[in-house]
Protein backbone atom coordinates (compact mmCIF):
# COMPACT_ATOMS: atom_id res chain seq x y z
CA MET A 1 0.00 0.00 0.00
CA ILE A 2 1.35 3.43 -0.94
CA PHE A 3 0.75 6.35 1.38
CA ALA A 4 0.36 9.84 -0.02
CA ILE A 5 2.48 12.52 1.61
CA GLY A 6 2.09 16.19 0.94
CA PRO A 7 -0.54 18.89 0.56
CA ALA A 8 -2.78 16.68 -1.60
CA ALA A 9 -2.98 14.07 1.16
CA LEU A 10 -4.15 16.73 3.62
CA ASP A 11 -6.49 18.41 1.12
CA MET A 12 -4.45 21.61 1.47
CA SER A 13 -3.37 24.08 -1.17
CA LEU A 14 0.29 24.11 -2.15
CA PRO A 15 0.85 27.83 -1.34
CA LEU A 16 -0.60 27.29 2.14
CA ALA A 17 1.70 24.30 2.73
CA ILE A 18 4.73 26.30 1.57
CA ALA A 19 3.73 29.21 3.82
CA ALA A 20 3.39 26.87 6.81
CA VAL A 21 6.84 25.37 6.26
CA LEU A 22 8.48 28.78 5.84
CA SER A 23 6.72 30.17 8.91
CA GLY A 24 7.89 27.24 10.99
CA GLY A 25 11.44 27.72 9.79
CA ILE A 26 11.41 31.40 10.69
CA PHE A 27 9.96 30.60 14.12
CA GLY A 28 12.70 28.02 14.69
CA GLY A 29 15.37 30.50 13.66
CA HIS A 30 14.12 33.06 16.16
CA ARG A 31 13.72 30.54 18.96
CA SER A 32 16.93 28.53 18.58
CA PRO A 33 19.88 29.58 20.76
CA ILE A 34 22.30 28.29 18.10
CA SER A 35 20.74 30.29 15.28
CA ASP A 36 23.21 32.49 13.42
CA THR A 37 20.93 35.53 13.69
CA ASN A 38 20.67 35.14 17.47
CA ILE A 39 24.42 34.72 17.85
CA LEU A 40 25.25 37.70 15.65
CA SER A 41 22.66 40.01 17.19
CA SER A 42 23.77 39.23 20.74
CA ALA A 43 27.42 39.67 19.77
CA GLY A 44 26.68 42.90 17.89
CA SER A 45 24.84 44.39 20.86
CA SER A 46 27.48 43.16 23.34
CA CYS A 47 24.95 41.40 25.55
CA ASP A 48 25.02 37.93 27.04
CA HIS A 49 23.85 35.42 24.47
CA ILE A 50 21.53 33.47 26.78
CA ASP A 51 19.99 36.70 28.08
CA HIS A 52 19.27 37.70 24.49
CA VAL A 53 17.62 34.34 23.75
CA ARG A 54 15.49 34.61 26.90
CA ALA A 55 14.46 38.15 25.99
CA GLN A 56 13.30 36.96 22.54
CA LEU A 57 11.18 34.11 23.97
CA PRO A 58 7.94 36.05 24.65
CA TYR A 59 8.03 37.67 21.20
CA ALA A 60 8.79 34.43 19.40
CA LEU A 61 6.09 32.48 21.24
CA SER A 62 3.39 35.13 20.80
CA THR A 63 4.06 35.51 17.08
CA GLY A 64 4.41 31.73 16.71
CA VAL A 65 0.99 31.15 18.26
CA ALA A 66 -0.58 33.98 16.27
CA GLY A 67 0.99 32.68 13.07
CA SER A 68 -0.11 29.10 13.64
CA LEU A 69 -3.77 29.99 14.06
CA PRO A 70 -4.49 30.59 10.35
CA PHE A 71 -2.87 27.27 9.47
CA SER A 72 -4.86 25.31 12.03
CA SER A 73 -8.31 26.75 11.27
CA PRO A 74 -10.51 24.78 8.90
CA ALA A 75 -10.92 26.21 5.42
């Protein structure tokens, strides 16, 4: 038996699937302590790296939740 994987299997449009993947990648980049943007921004502002990551947490989580709502609502 062959299983279908992808937007067609979920009855989802291709642009919506691409947008969901890109949004998740951006969220992961903002949330990850080993992300290059987090490392460079904390080094450029001369602040402690872990303090910078902790300061970004509320913003990343609130925008991550707000961004996931359109993808989880039924069409």
